[in-house]
């Protein structure tokens, strides 16, 4: 989770400081998306393994 936030902050920094070609910003955003997908898959795997359980609002 911290890696996702750090990557988003890094992309914002590169957006504000780089003039013109911003390959660093694109790399940071790509990393953020990859980390987010990885976190989602890890949560789904933990749920499937019974390590975590969703808590419904209507319970």
C-alpha atoms as a PDB file:
ATOM      1  CA  UNK A   1       0.000   0.000   0.000  1.00  0.00           C
ATOM      2  CA  UNK A   2       2.837   2.366   0.814  1.00  0.00           C
ATOM      3  CA  UNK A   3       4.482   1.543  -2.504  1.00  0.00           C
ATOM      4  CA  UNK A   4       1.298   2.539  -4.334  1.00  0.00           C
ATOM      5  CA  UNK A   5       1.123   5.879  -2.515  1.00  0.00           C
ATOM      6  CA  UNK A   6       4.844   6.514  -3.014  1.00  0.00           C
ATOM      7  CA  UNK A   7       4.570   5.765  -6.735  1.00  0.00           C
ATOM      8  CA  UNK A   8       1.626   8.133  -7.082  1.00  0.00           C
ATOM      9  CA  UNK A   9       3.574  10.864  -5.277  1.00  0.00           C
ATOM     10  CA  UNK A  10       6.570  10.234  -7.503  1.00  0.00           C
ATOM     11  CA  UNK A  11       4.412  10.592 -10.611  1.00  0.00           C
ATOM     12  CA  UNK A  12       3.030  13.874  -9.290  1.00  0.00           C
ATOM     13  CA  UNK A  13       6.552  15.127  -8.594  1.00  0.00           C
ATOM     14  CA  UNK A  14       7.695  14.260 -12.112  1.00  0.00           C
ATOM     15  CA  UNK A  15       4.568  15.860 -13.573  1.00  0.00           C
ATOM     16  CA  UNK A  16       5.373  19.131 -11.812  1.00  0.00           C
ATOM     17  CA  UNK A  17       9.137  19.225 -12.410  1.00  0.00           C
ATOM     18  CA  UNK A  18       9.785  17.605 -15.803  1.00  0.00           C
ATOM     19  CA  UNK A  19       9.403  19.914 -18.751  1.00  0.00           C
ATOM     20  CA  UNK A  20       8.430  18.177 -21.964  1.00  0.00           C
ATOM     21  CA  UNK A  21       9.092  14.432 -22.203  1.00  0.00           C
ATOM     22  CA  UNK A  22       7.964  12.759 -18.996  1.00  0.00           C
ATOM     23  CA  UNK A  23       8.945   9.105 -19.261  1.00  0.00           C
ATOM     24  CA  UNK A  24       9.591   9.001 -15.514  1.00  0.00           C
ATOM     25  CA  UNK A  25       5.988   9.953 -14.793  1.00  0.00           C
ATOM     26  CA  UNK A  26       4.670   7.255 -17.140  1.00  0.00           C
ATOM     27  CA  UNK A  27       6.925   4.660 -15.493  1.00  0.00           C
ATOM     28  CA  UNK A  28       5.748   5.706 -12.020  1.00  0.00           C
ATOM     29  CA  UNK A  29       2.090   5.463 -13.033  1.00  0.00           C
ATOM     30  CA  UNK A  30       2.676   2.090 -14.701  1.00  0.00           C
ATOM     31  CA  UNK A  31       4.303   0.847 -11.501  1.00  0.00           C
ATOM     32  CA  UNK A  32       1.352   2.141  -9.484  1.00  0.00           C
ATOM     33  CA  UNK A  33      -1.135   0.281 -11.663  1.00  0.00           C
ATOM     34  CA  UNK A  34       0.931  -2.913 -11.457  1.00  0.00           C
ATOM     35  CA  UNK A  35       1.168  -2.646  -7.660  1.00  0.00           C
ATOM     36  CA  UNK A  36      -2.576  -1.993  -7.396  1.00  0.00           C
ATOM     37  CA  UNK A  37      -3.400  -5.056  -9.511  1.00  0.00           C
ATOM     38  CA  UNK A  38      -0.962  -7.116  -7.432  1.00  0.00           C
ATOM     39  CA  UNK A  39      -2.584  -5.945  -4.197  1.00  0.00           C
ATOM     40  CA  UNK A  40      -6.042  -6.797  -5.548  1.00  0.00           C
ATOM     41  CA  UNK A  41      -4.905 -10.270  -6.604  1.00  0.00           C
ATOM     42  CA  UNK A  42      -3.259 -10.839  -3.217  1.00  0.00           C
ATOM     43  CA  UNK A  43      -6.494  -9.863  -1.452  1.00  0.00           C
ATOM     44  CA  UNK A  44      -8.526 -12.204  -3.664  1.00  0.00           C
ATOM     45  CA  UNK A  45      -6.061 -15.052  -3.029  1.00  0.00           C
ATOM     46  CA  UNK A  46      -6.209 -14.458   0.732  1.00  0.00           C
ATOM     47  CA  UNK A  47     -10.010 -14.452   0.584  1.00  0.00           C
ATOM     48  CA  UNK A  48     -10.057 -17.678  -1.448  1.00  0.00           C
ATOM     49  CA  UNK A  49      -7.660 -19.316   1.037  1.00  0.00           C
ATOM     50  CA  UNK A  50      -9.896 -18.310   3.946  1.00  0.00           C
ATOM     51  CA  UNK A  51      -7.312 -16.015   5.530  1.00  0.00           C
ATOM     52  CA  UNK A  52      -9.646 -13.006   5.406  1.00  0.00           C
ATOM     53  CA  UNK A  53     -13.411 -12.694   5.305  1.00  0.00           C
ATOM     54  CA  UNK A  54     -15.456  -9.844   3.854  1.00  0.00           C
ATOM     55  CA  UNK A  55     -17.690  -8.008   6.279  1.00  0.00           C
ATOM     56  CA  UNK A  56     -21.006  -7.104   4.691  1.00  0.00           C
ATOM     57  CA  UNK A  57     -22.751  -3.856   5.510  1.00  0.00           C
ATOM     58  CA  UNK A  58     -26.094  -5.650   5.852  1.00  0.00           C
ATOM     59  CA  UNK A  59     -24.958  -8.192   8.446  1.00  0.00           C
END
